[in-house]
Amino acid sequence: MEQSITLKPAKQARYFFPALLTFDRRFIEIMDLYPLKACAFKVGEPQPMPFFDGDPFRLIATDDEDGASAVKKYFSEDATATREAVRDSVRANFSIVVDSLEKELLAISQVNRGAIFEKF
């Protein structure tokens, strides 16, 4: 939904704000938890910047009123260091992952090519 805000349905329109009609009560409850308050755009960039109403930490906090536990859990030095280590590990193994995916694609394409030629 956020991405579709950037579509221009008509030449004279600057922005398009889509609406979602649903009768799914559980989905409605989720949408009610995170109501869209505003949406900003940077000139020349298609990426919207949504701003939701309410404090996101308070919404995900389970053991205190002000969301301090959520902040500690996701933004502590240990949590940020762990995420950085995971990113570094992925970057270090990136060439291995690319090589593996290229081999897999080659194997799949050869199987599919053989199946196509068998039909003729």
Protein backbone atom coordinates (compact mmCIF):
# COMPACT_ATOMS: atom_id res chain seq x y z
CA MET A 1 0.00 0.00 0.00
CA GLU A 2 2.84 2.39 0.85
CA GLN A 3 4.49 1.81 -2.52
CA SER A 4 1.26 2.41 -4.44
CA ILE A 5 1.07 5.92 -2.92
CA THR A 6 3.81 6.92 -5.38
CA LEU A 7 1.80 6.01 -8.49
CA LYS A 8 0.38 8.79 -10.64
CA PRO A 9 -2.99 7.66 -12.03
CA ALA A 10 -3.46 10.78 -14.18
CA LYS A 11 -1.05 13.30 -15.67
CA GLN A 12 -2.46 16.22 -13.65
CA ALA A 13 -2.34 14.33 -10.32
CA ARG A 14 0.67 14.79 -8.04
CA TYR A 15 -0.01 11.83 -5.74
CA PHE A 16 -2.38 8.92 -5.46
CA PHE A 17 -3.59 7.82 -2.01
CA PRO A 18 -5.06 4.32 -2.21
CA ALA A 19 -7.78 3.05 0.09
CA LEU A 20 -8.14 -0.45 1.43
CA LEU A 21 -11.59 -1.96 1.89
CA THR A 22 -11.61 -5.14 3.95
CA PHE A 23 -14.02 -7.11 6.07
CA ASP A 24 -11.23 -9.11 7.72
CA ARG A 25 -11.74 -8.15 11.38
CA ARG A 26 -8.28 -9.27 12.51
CA PHE A 27 -6.64 -7.29 9.73
CA ILE A 28 -8.72 -4.25 10.67
CA GLU A 29 -7.48 -4.60 14.26
CA ILE A 30 -3.88 -4.55 13.02
CA MET A 31 -4.53 -1.50 10.82
CA ASP A 32 -6.13 0.24 13.80
CA LEU A 33 -2.96 -0.36 15.84
CA TYR A 34 -0.82 1.43 13.25
CA PRO A 35 -2.90 4.25 11.74
CA LEU A 36 -1.12 6.31 9.08
CA LYS A 37 -0.78 9.88 10.36
CA ALA A 38 1.14 11.41 7.46
CA CYS A 39 3.14 10.49 4.40
CA ALA A 40 6.08 12.60 3.22
CA PHE A 41 7.85 12.61 -0.13
CA LYS A 42 11.25 13.91 -1.15
CA VAL A 43 11.10 15.70 -4.49
CA GLY A 44 12.53 13.50 -7.21
CA GLU A 45 12.40 10.27 -5.20
CA PRO A 46 9.55 7.76 -5.45
CA GLN A 47 10.03 6.28 -1.97
CA PRO A 48 7.32 7.41 0.47
CA MET A 49 8.15 8.10 4.11
CA PRO A 50 5.13 7.02 6.16
CA PHE A 51 4.61 8.36 9.67
CA PHE A 52 2.32 6.30 11.84
CA ASP A 53 0.30 7.70 14.73
CA GLY A 54 1.43 6.65 18.18
CA ASP A 55 4.64 5.50 19.78
CA PRO A 56 5.92 2.32 18.08
CA PHE A 57 7.91 1.29 21.16
CA ARG A 58 4.83 1.47 23.31
CA LEU A 59 2.97 -0.74 20.84
CA ILE A 60 5.57 -3.51 20.96
CA ALA A 61 6.50 -3.24 24.64
CA THR A 62 5.13 -6.02 26.79
CA ASP A 63 6.36 -5.36 30.30
CA ASP A 64 6.27 -1.61 30.88
CA GLU A 65 4.27 1.42 29.90
CA ASP A 66 6.90 3.57 28.24
CA GLY A 67 8.47 1.03 25.91
CA ALA A 68 11.86 1.06 27.64
CA SER A 69 12.17 -2.71 27.33
CA ALA A 70 11.67 -2.54 23.58
CA VAL A 71 14.31 0.14 23.25
CA LYS A 72 16.74 -1.94 25.33
CA LYS A 73 15.99 -5.09 23.38
CA TYR A 74 16.48 -3.63 19.90
CA PHE A 75 18.82 -0.69 20.41
CA SER A 76 21.19 -1.76 23.18
CA GLU A 77 24.92 -1.93 22.42
CA ASP A 78 24.74 -5.74 22.44
CA ALA A 79 21.79 -5.83 20.03
CA THR A 80 23.34 -3.40 17.56
CA ALA A 81 26.73 -5.21 17.78
CA THR A 82 25.02 -8.54 17.09
CA ARG A 83 23.26 -7.15 14.01
CA GLU A 84 26.52 -5.63 12.76
CA ALA A 85 28.31 -8.99 13.20
CA VAL A 86 25.59 -10.75 11.19
CA ARG A 87 25.90 -8.16 8.41
CA ASP A 88 29.70 -8.55 8.37
CA SER A 89 29.36 -12.33 8.18
CA VAL A 90 26.96 -12.07 5.24
CA ARG A 91 29.26 -9.63 3.45
CA ALA A 92 32.25 -11.93 4.00
CA ASN A 93 30.38 -14.90 2.50
CA PHE A 94 28.67 -12.97 -0.26
CA SER A 95 30.86 -14.36 -3.08
CA ILE A 96 30.21 -17.92 -1.84
CA VAL A 97 26.45 -17.32 -1.85
CA VAL A 98 26.59 -15.81 -5.35
CA ASP A 99 28.66 -18.75 -6.63
CA SER A 100 26.21 -21.24 -5.10
CA LEU A 101 23.20 -19.48 -6.63
CA GLU A 102 24.88 -19.29 -10.04
CA LYS A 103 25.57 -23.05 -9.95
CA GLU A 104 21.99 -23.75 -8.92
CA LEU A 105 20.64 -21.57 -11.73
CA LEU A 106 22.91 -23.29 -14.25
CA ALA A 107 21.72 -26.71 -13.11
CA ILE A 108 18.07 -25.67 -13.31
CA SER A 109 18.48 -24.07 -16.74
CA GLN A 110 20.14 -27.21 -18.14
CA VAL A 111 17.34 -29.41 -16.81
CA ASN A 112 14.69 -27.11 -18.26
CA ARG A 113 16.49 -26.85 -21.61
CA GLY A 114 16.62 -30.65 -21.85
CA ALA A 115 12.91 -30.92 -21.06
CA ILE A 116 12.06 -28.37 -23.75
CA PHE A 117 14.08 -30.15 -26.43
CA GLU A 118 12.50 -33.50 -25.55
CA LYS A 119 9.10 -32.13 -26.54
CA PHE A 120 10.32 -31.35 -30.06
